[in-house]
Protein backbone atom coordinates (compact mmCIF):
# COMPACT_ATOMS: atom_id res chain seq x y z
CA MET A 1 81.76 -205.61 -0.67
CA THR A 2 84.83 -206.26 -1.18
CA PRO A 3 86.76 -209.64 -3.20
CA THR A 4 88.92 -210.61 0.52
CA LYS A 5 85.28 -212.04 2.11
CA LEU A 6 84.75 -214.38 -0.60
CA PHE A 7 86.45 -217.05 1.08
CA PRO A 8 85.88 -218.24 3.93
CA THR A 9 89.46 -217.10 6.91
CA ALA A 10 90.07 -220.34 8.86
CA ARG A 11 93.18 -222.82 7.77
CA THR A 12 91.62 -225.73 5.91
CA LEU A 13 92.33 -228.86 3.63
CA VAL A 14 91.22 -228.27 0.18
CA ILE A 15 89.52 -231.89 -1.16
CA ALA A 16 90.30 -234.40 -3.00
CA VAL A 17 91.04 -234.08 -6.25
CA CYS A 18 90.18 -235.99 -8.90
CA GLY A 19 92.86 -236.68 -10.36
CA MET A 20 97.24 -236.90 -10.45
CA LEU A 21 99.19 -235.21 -12.93
CA TRP A 22 102.18 -237.59 -11.73
CA ALA A 23 100.65 -240.51 -12.29
CA PRO A 24 102.81 -243.30 -12.59
CA SER A 25 103.06 -246.51 -14.13
CA VAL A 26 105.45 -249.29 -14.33
CA ALA A 27 109.83 -248.84 -14.22
CA PHE A 28 111.18 -247.74 -17.91
CA ALA A 29 113.29 -250.35 -19.19
CA GLN A 30 114.86 -249.56 -22.69
CA THR A 31 113.41 -251.93 -25.17
CA ASP A 32 113.12 -251.92 -29.06
CA ASN A 33 108.64 -251.86 -29.44
CA TRP A 34 106.69 -249.47 -28.10
CA LYS A 35 106.05 -249.69 -24.29
CA VAL A 36 102.03 -247.82 -23.70
CA ASP A 37 100.78 -247.30 -20.17
CA LEU A 38 98.56 -245.25 -19.61
CA ALA A 39 95.89 -244.39 -16.22
CA PRO A 40 92.61 -243.58 -16.60
CA LEU A 41 92.01 -243.86 -12.68
CA TYR A 42 93.43 -242.02 -10.85
CA PHE A 43 93.12 -240.38 -7.65
CA TRP A 44 94.56 -237.18 -6.04
CA ALA A 45 93.26 -236.82 -2.58
CA ALA A 46 95.60 -232.55 -2.18
CA THR A 47 95.37 -229.86 -0.35
CA ASN A 48 95.99 -226.28 -1.42
CA ASN A 49 97.65 -223.80 0.34
CA GLY A 50 98.28 -220.30 -0.97
CA ASN A 51 97.12 -217.47 -1.75
CA LEU A 52 94.89 -215.56 -5.21
CA ALA A 53 94.55 -212.55 -5.57
CA ILE A 54 91.23 -210.43 -8.28
CA ASN A 55 92.43 -207.65 -10.09
CA SER A 56 95.15 -206.74 -6.96
CA THR A 57 93.29 -207.10 -4.20
CA ALA A 58 94.71 -208.30 -0.97
CA ASN A 59 96.09 -211.72 -1.01
CA ILE A 60 92.57 -214.87 -1.05
CA PRO A 61 93.28 -217.76 1.14
CA VAL A 62 92.26 -220.29 -0.86
CA TYR A 63 90.97 -223.82 -0.07
CA MET A 64 87.93 -225.88 0.18
CA ASP A 65 86.86 -227.59 3.13
CA PHE A 66 87.20 -231.60 3.40
CA SER A 67 84.58 -232.86 4.32
CA ASP A 68 82.51 -230.33 1.73
CA ALA A 69 84.19 -232.11 -1.73
CA ALA A 70 81.55 -234.31 -2.29
CA SER A 71 79.01 -232.07 -2.09
CA LYS A 72 80.76 -228.77 -4.46
CA LEU A 73 82.65 -230.34 -6.81
CA ALA A 74 80.49 -230.39 -9.71
CA GLY A 75 83.03 -232.27 -12.61
CA ALA A 76 85.93 -233.87 -13.41
CA PHE A 77 88.02 -235.17 -15.65
CA SER A 78 91.94 -236.35 -15.99
CA PHE A 79 93.49 -238.98 -17.51
CA HIS A 80 98.04 -239.86 -18.07
CA GLY A 81 99.06 -241.78 -20.96
CA GLU A 82 103.06 -242.63 -21.32
CA ALA A 83 104.38 -244.16 -24.75
CA ARG A 84 108.34 -245.03 -25.45
CA ARG A 85 110.18 -247.01 -27.69
CA GLY A 86 114.54 -247.01 -26.89
CA ARG A 87 115.57 -244.12 -25.34
CA TRP A 88 113.24 -241.59 -26.06
CA GLY A 89 109.53 -241.49 -24.72
CA VAL A 90 106.15 -238.93 -24.28
CA ILE A 91 104.50 -238.35 -20.98
CA GLY A 92 101.03 -236.28 -21.49
CA ASP A 93 98.35 -235.65 -19.24
CA VAL A 94 95.69 -233.66 -18.14
CA ASN A 95 93.27 -232.76 -15.54
CA PHE A 96 90.03 -230.63 -14.82
CA ILE A 97 88.13 -230.15 -12.42
CA ARG A 98 85.18 -227.74 -11.61
CA LEU A 99 84.04 -226.84 -7.73
CA SER A 100 80.43 -224.65 -7.35
CA THR A 101 79.59 -223.83 -4.44
CA ASP A 102 77.71 -220.60 -2.21
CA VAL A 103 78.97 -218.38 -0.50
CA SER A 104 77.73 -215.66 2.32
CA PHE A 105 79.25 -213.16 3.43
CA THR A 106 78.83 -209.45 5.29
CA THR A 107 79.87 -206.06 3.91
CA PRO A 108 82.40 -204.13 5.31
CA ILE A 109 81.25 -200.27 8.02
CA ILE A 110 77.04 -201.46 7.14
CA SER A 111 77.18 -204.63 7.80
CA ALA A 112 74.96 -206.16 4.99
CA PRO A 113 74.38 -209.77 4.24
CA VAL A 114 75.62 -210.41 0.46
CA ALA A 115 74.57 -213.90 -0.95
CA GLY A 116 76.37 -215.84 -3.90
CA SER A 117 77.22 -218.35 -5.60
CA LEU A 118 80.97 -219.10 -6.63
CA GLU A 119 82.62 -221.73 -9.46
CA PHE A 120 86.01 -222.44 -10.24
CA ASP A 121 87.44 -223.91 -12.99
CA GLN A 122 91.57 -225.67 -12.89
CA THR A 123 92.43 -227.28 -16.15
CA ILE A 124 96.47 -228.81 -15.66
CA PHE A 125 97.95 -230.05 -18.78
CA ASN A 126 101.18 -231.79 -18.79
CA GLY A 127 103.53 -232.49 -22.39
CA LYS A 128 107.35 -234.31 -22.01
CA VAL A 129 110.19 -236.08 -23.74
CA THR A 130 111.49 -238.15 -21.71
CA PHE A 131 115.50 -239.52 -22.85
CA ALA A 132 117.83 -242.47 -21.76
CA VAL A 133 121.14 -240.65 -19.15
CA LYS A 134 121.80 -244.00 -20.85
CA PRO A 135 120.86 -247.18 -22.13
CA GLY A 136 119.55 -249.86 -20.26
CA THR A 137 118.81 -246.91 -17.12
CA PRO A 138 116.10 -246.30 -15.26
CA LEU A 139 117.25 -243.09 -14.78
CA PHE A 140 115.34 -240.41 -17.87
CA ILE A 141 115.73 -236.79 -17.86
CA VAL A 142 112.47 -234.75 -18.40
CA GLY A 143 112.11 -231.45 -20.16
CA GLY A 144 108.60 -230.02 -21.62
CA ILE A 145 106.05 -227.44 -21.20
CA ARG A 146 102.86 -227.39 -18.70
CA THR A 147 99.70 -224.65 -18.71
CA VAL A 148 97.15 -223.84 -15.31
CA THR A 149 93.85 -222.61 -16.99
CA LEU A 150 92.44 -221.36 -13.42
CA SER A 151 88.95 -218.91 -14.15
CA PRO A 152 86.63 -218.47 -10.92
CA THR A 153 83.23 -216.52 -11.46
CA ALA A 154 81.41 -215.49 -8.63
CA THR A 155 77.13 -213.97 -9.07
CA PHE A 156 76.43 -212.35 -6.03
CA THR A 157 72.83 -210.41 -4.33
CA GLY A 158 72.52 -207.71 -1.93
CA PRO A 159 70.31 -207.55 0.95
CA VAL A 160 67.78 -206.18 -1.74
CA GLY A 161 67.88 -208.72 -3.48
CA GLY A 162 69.99 -206.35 -5.98
CA GLN A 163 71.94 -207.82 -7.86
CA LEU A 164 75.65 -206.14 -7.01
CA ALA A 165 79.46 -206.73 -8.88
CA ASN A 166 80.05 -209.95 -10.90
CA ILE A 167 83.79 -212.06 -11.31
CA ASP A 168 84.86 -213.72 -13.87
CA VAL A 169 87.90 -214.05 -14.53
CA SER A 170 90.10 -216.06 -16.04
CA THR A 171 94.86 -216.97 -17.17
CA THR A 172 96.04 -219.49 -18.34
CA GLU A 173 100.52 -219.55 -16.78
CA VAL A 174 102.70 -221.45 -19.66
CA GLU A 175 105.92 -222.42 -17.86
CA GLY A 176 109.18 -224.85 -19.74
CA VAL A 177 109.85 -227.52 -17.57
CA VAL A 178 112.76 -229.55 -17.07
CA GLY A 179 113.59 -232.46 -15.11
CA PHE A 180 114.18 -235.74 -14.04
CA VAL A 181 112.00 -239.16 -13.44
CA TYR A 182 113.80 -241.84 -11.72
CA ARG A 183 111.93 -245.56 -12.41
CA PRO A 184 113.95 -248.15 -10.80
CA ARG A 185 112.35 -251.91 -9.93
CA LEU A 186 112.72 -252.97 -6.75
CA GLY A 187 111.84 -257.03 -7.36
CA ASN A 188 109.35 -258.39 -9.03
CA LYS A 189 106.98 -257.04 -8.82
CA TRP A 190 107.67 -253.68 -7.23
CA VAL A 191 109.26 -250.68 -8.75
CA LEU A 192 110.63 -247.26 -6.85
CA LEU A 193 107.91 -244.35 -8.04
CA THR A 194 110.07 -240.84 -8.19
CA GLN A 195 109.81 -238.29 -10.61
CA ALA A 196 110.31 -234.54 -9.84
CA ASP A 197 111.36 -230.69 -12.31
CA ILE A 198 111.10 -227.13 -12.24
CA GLY A 199 109.87 -224.48 -14.45
CA GLY A 200 108.91 -220.15 -15.33
CA GLY A 201 107.79 -218.63 -18.10
CA SER A 202 104.05 -216.66 -17.30
CA ALA A 203 105.10 -218.49 -14.04
CA PHE A 204 107.02 -219.94 -11.57
CA THR A 205 106.57 -223.53 -11.07
CA TRP A 206 107.78 -227.28 -9.70
CA SER A 207 106.73 -230.52 -9.00
CA ALA A 208 107.44 -233.87 -7.14
CA MET A 209 106.57 -236.81 -6.38
CA GLY A 210 107.91 -240.34 -5.40
CA GLY A 211 105.56 -243.83 -4.20
CA ILE A 212 106.01 -246.73 -5.10
CA GLU A 213 103.60 -249.85 -7.80
CA PHE A 214 102.58 -252.37 -7.05
CA GLU A 215 102.38 -255.39 -10.67
CA ILE A 216 98.94 -257.53 -10.00
CA LYS A 217 99.20 -258.81 -13.69
CA ARG A 218 102.05 -258.17 -15.94
CA TRP A 219 99.67 -255.87 -18.09
CA ILE A 220 97.91 -253.98 -14.89
CA GLY A 221 99.51 -252.17 -11.89
CA VAL A 222 98.11 -250.53 -8.70
CA ALA A 223 100.36 -247.84 -6.83
CA VAL A 224 100.23 -245.19 -4.01
CA ALA A 225 102.47 -241.81 -3.64
CA TYR A 226 102.78 -238.33 -1.97
CA ALA A 227 102.90 -235.90 -4.66
CA ALA A 228 103.27 -231.98 -4.77
CA LEU A 229 102.77 -229.21 -7.60
CA ASP A 230 103.79 -225.45 -7.34
CA VAL A 231 102.58 -222.62 -9.03
CA ASP A 232 103.25 -219.36 -8.79
CA THR A 233 103.16 -216.05 -10.58
CA GLY A 234 104.22 -213.49 -9.41
CA SER A 235 103.58 -210.86 -6.75
CA VAL A 236 100.18 -208.19 -6.45
CA PRO A 237 100.83 -204.75 -7.09
CA THR A 238 100.57 -202.78 -4.29
CA SER A 239 100.00 -198.91 -6.82
CA GLY A 240 98.65 -197.96 -9.59
CA ILE A 241 95.52 -198.39 -11.29
CA ASN A 242 93.62 -201.68 -10.27
CA PRO A 243 94.08 -203.88 -13.72
CA VAL A 244 90.10 -205.35 -14.68
CA ASN A 245 89.41 -208.80 -14.20
CA GLU A 246 93.12 -209.82 -13.25
CA LEU A 247 93.52 -213.17 -11.19
CA GLN A 248 97.70 -213.79 -9.36
CA TYR A 249 97.70 -216.70 -7.61
CA HIS A 250 100.44 -218.55 -5.23
CA VAL A 251 98.89 -222.14 -5.17
CA THR A 252 101.24 -225.10 -3.86
CA GLN A 253 99.00 -228.95 -4.27
CA TYR A 254 100.35 -231.62 -2.00
CA GLY A 255 98.83 -235.08 -0.83
CA PRO A 256 98.82 -238.24 -1.56
CA ALA A 257 98.04 -240.22 -3.77
CA PHE A 258 96.50 -243.47 -5.54
CA SER A 259 97.14 -244.67 -9.80
CA LEU A 260 95.23 -247.60 -11.59
CA THR A 261 97.23 -248.96 -14.59
CA PHE A 262 97.45 -250.63 -17.78
CA HIS A 263 100.61 -251.61 -19.27
CA TRP A 264 100.87 -252.78 -23.39
CA GLY A 265 104.24 -254.12 -25.28
CA GLY A 266 108.04 -253.51 -23.91
CA LYS A 267 108.61 -257.02 -23.74
């Protein structure tokens, strides 16, 4: 049995993931009072495009068919918040998803059928500080950390009912990131949403987002954007002793995002 058979090899789209890492909020207008934005309701329809390697095996294509998302999404939680006062501010968010699906394949050489179940957990956390380039500007410099935790678990049963070698691995990558946020007003109710960052540590990472928000009322807004996140833990080793329970990957997530954001203070 080879882990490269865990996923189909055709090219496709991943599920719609509950959780947008860059939930947009109102323009970053400077204020002497606290300004708080919370986005508990947001949705990122993301495509996954990349590769996964378990125990230094050959790269495994990573994806899940979009049409199967509802049945394979076993759990999700996401939350985004921002607070600002004067030229300083903080941004934080957390995004958790759990995918669960049945898998089946035929082993090479002996062509024996194997069935199993797969659970895939992903947790992403962002914590950043913002600082206005100059008083009153909508352009902010951003710095902080991003952590990405992936935990695939797979259980298999052989053709005669016997238990086969299972996979239970987990990795957490921690990266320092720097970037910018630019959110100028386009009118009384419209705000342009742009931001990007890049960083490194235990993995190389970058993210970017562009969109627009419409303020229904002073205290609530809806937004549509296009967001992307890339995480690369490095190349898969091609020689030496294979490690046990080691996970390496290079995955890019990208797609449209939608949010409902609540605003307090700052006036």
